[in-house]
């Protein structure tokens, strides 16, 4: 992040912080969705099947 700040691509007025998943459950939820989607792409759909009605997959191929 410091390199991005030094390059001028990130304003010095923007603050960035780290939070554990215990403090920010939405981080855990996003990680779970990405994991389920990755497993689905690898042919293991059990977890993704629970989420398929709520997830949109966009193919950029």
C-alpha atoms as a PDB file:
ATOM      1  CA  UNK A   1       0.000   0.000   0.000  1.00  0.00           C
ATOM      2  CA  UNK A   2       2.843   2.373   0.720  1.00  0.00           C
ATOM      3  CA  UNK A   3       4.123   1.996  -2.854  1.00  0.00           C
ATOM      4  CA  UNK A   4       0.673   2.893  -4.210  1.00  0.00           C
ATOM      5  CA  UNK A   5       0.559   5.964  -1.954  1.00  0.00           C
ATOM      6  CA  UNK A   6       4.046   7.040  -3.047  1.00  0.00           C
ATOM      7  CA  UNK A   7       3.077   6.673  -6.714  1.00  0.00           C
ATOM      8  CA  UNK A   8       0.212   9.119  -6.178  1.00  0.00           C
ATOM      9  CA  UNK A   9      -2.420   6.577  -7.240  1.00  0.00           C
ATOM     10  CA  UNK A  10      -3.953   6.584  -3.748  1.00  0.00           C
ATOM     11  CA  UNK A  11      -4.828   9.808  -1.975  1.00  0.00           C
ATOM     12  CA  UNK A  12      -3.123  10.413   1.364  1.00  0.00           C
ATOM     13  CA  UNK A  13      -6.589  11.322   2.707  1.00  0.00           C
ATOM     14  CA  UNK A  14      -7.770   7.718   2.373  1.00  0.00           C
ATOM     15  CA  UNK A  15      -7.079   5.552   5.383  1.00  0.00           C
ATOM     16  CA  UNK A  16      -6.622   1.809   5.168  1.00  0.00           C
ATOM     17  CA  UNK A  17      -6.867  -0.536   8.105  1.00  0.00           C
ATOM     18  CA  UNK A  18      -6.859  -4.222   8.886  1.00  0.00           C
ATOM     19  CA  UNK A  19      -9.658  -5.943  10.757  1.00  0.00           C
ATOM     20  CA  UNK A  20      -9.929  -9.533  11.811  1.00  0.00           C
ATOM     21  CA  UNK A  21     -12.882 -11.526  10.527  1.00  0.00           C
ATOM     22  CA  UNK A  22     -14.198 -11.607  14.099  1.00  0.00           C
ATOM     23  CA  UNK A  23     -14.570  -7.825  13.990  1.00  0.00           C
ATOM     24  CA  UNK A  24     -15.929  -7.709  10.438  1.00  0.00           C
ATOM     25  CA  UNK A  25     -18.114 -10.728   9.577  1.00  0.00           C
ATOM     26  CA  UNK A  26     -18.743  -9.465   6.027  1.00  0.00           C
ATOM     27  CA  UNK A  27     -15.096 -10.250   5.233  1.00  0.00           C
ATOM     28  CA  UNK A  28     -15.676 -13.847   6.290  1.00  0.00           C
ATOM     29  CA  UNK A  29     -18.873 -14.050   4.227  1.00  0.00           C
ATOM     30  CA  UNK A  30     -17.155 -12.784   1.084  1.00  0.00           C
ATOM     31  CA  UNK A  31     -14.319 -15.273   1.580  1.00  0.00           C
ATOM     32  CA  UNK A  32     -16.823 -18.125   1.937  1.00  0.00           C
ATOM     33  CA  UNK A  33     -18.592 -17.172  -1.310  1.00  0.00           C
ATOM     34  CA  UNK A  34     -15.290 -16.931  -3.205  1.00  0.00           C
ATOM     35  CA  UNK A  35     -14.186 -20.310  -1.823  1.00  0.00           C
ATOM     36  CA  UNK A  36     -17.467 -21.983  -2.803  1.00  0.00           C
ATOM     37  CA  UNK A  37     -17.274 -20.462  -6.281  1.00  0.00           C
ATOM     38  CA  UNK A  38     -13.675 -21.570  -6.756  1.00  0.00           C
ATOM     39  CA  UNK A  39     -14.557 -25.122  -5.717  1.00  0.00           C
ATOM     40  CA  UNK A  40     -17.506 -25.043  -8.146  1.00  0.00           C
ATOM     41  CA  UNK A  41     -15.170 -24.038 -10.971  1.00  0.00           C
ATOM     42  CA  UNK A  42     -12.979 -27.025 -10.019  1.00  0.00           C
ATOM     43  CA  UNK A  43     -15.960 -29.382 -10.296  1.00  0.00           C
ATOM     44  CA  UNK A  44     -16.885 -29.576  -6.595  1.00  0.00           C
ATOM     45  CA  UNK A  45     -20.298 -27.921  -6.540  1.00  0.00           C
ATOM     46  CA  UNK A  46     -21.695 -28.985  -3.134  1.00  0.00           C
ATOM     47  CA  UNK A  47     -21.046 -25.648  -1.381  1.00  0.00           C
ATOM     48  CA  UNK A  48     -21.872 -23.530  -4.410  1.00  0.00           C
ATOM     49  CA  UNK A  49     -25.207 -25.319  -4.805  1.00  0.00           C
ATOM     50  CA  UNK A  50     -26.253 -23.753  -1.492  1.00  0.00           C
ATOM     51  CA  UNK A  51     -25.506 -20.272  -2.858  1.00  0.00           C
ATOM     52  CA  UNK A  52     -26.334 -20.501  -6.577  1.00  0.00           C
ATOM     53  CA  UNK A  53     -29.582 -18.518  -6.294  1.00  0.00           C
ATOM     54  CA  UNK A  54     -27.722 -15.581  -4.706  1.00  0.00           C
ATOM     55  CA  UNK A  55     -24.515 -15.559  -6.824  1.00  0.00           C
ATOM     56  CA  UNK A  56     -24.148 -14.178 -10.335  1.00  0.00           C
ATOM     57  CA  UNK A  57     -21.298 -15.569 -12.411  1.00  0.00           C
ATOM     58  CA  UNK A  58     -20.089 -13.379 -15.258  1.00  0.00           C
ATOM     59  CA  UNK A  59     -17.884 -15.061 -17.873  1.00  0.00           C
ATOM     60  CA  UNK A  60     -15.441 -12.574 -19.391  1.00  0.00           C
ATOM     61  CA  UNK A  61     -14.025 -15.060 -21.882  1.00  0.00           C
END
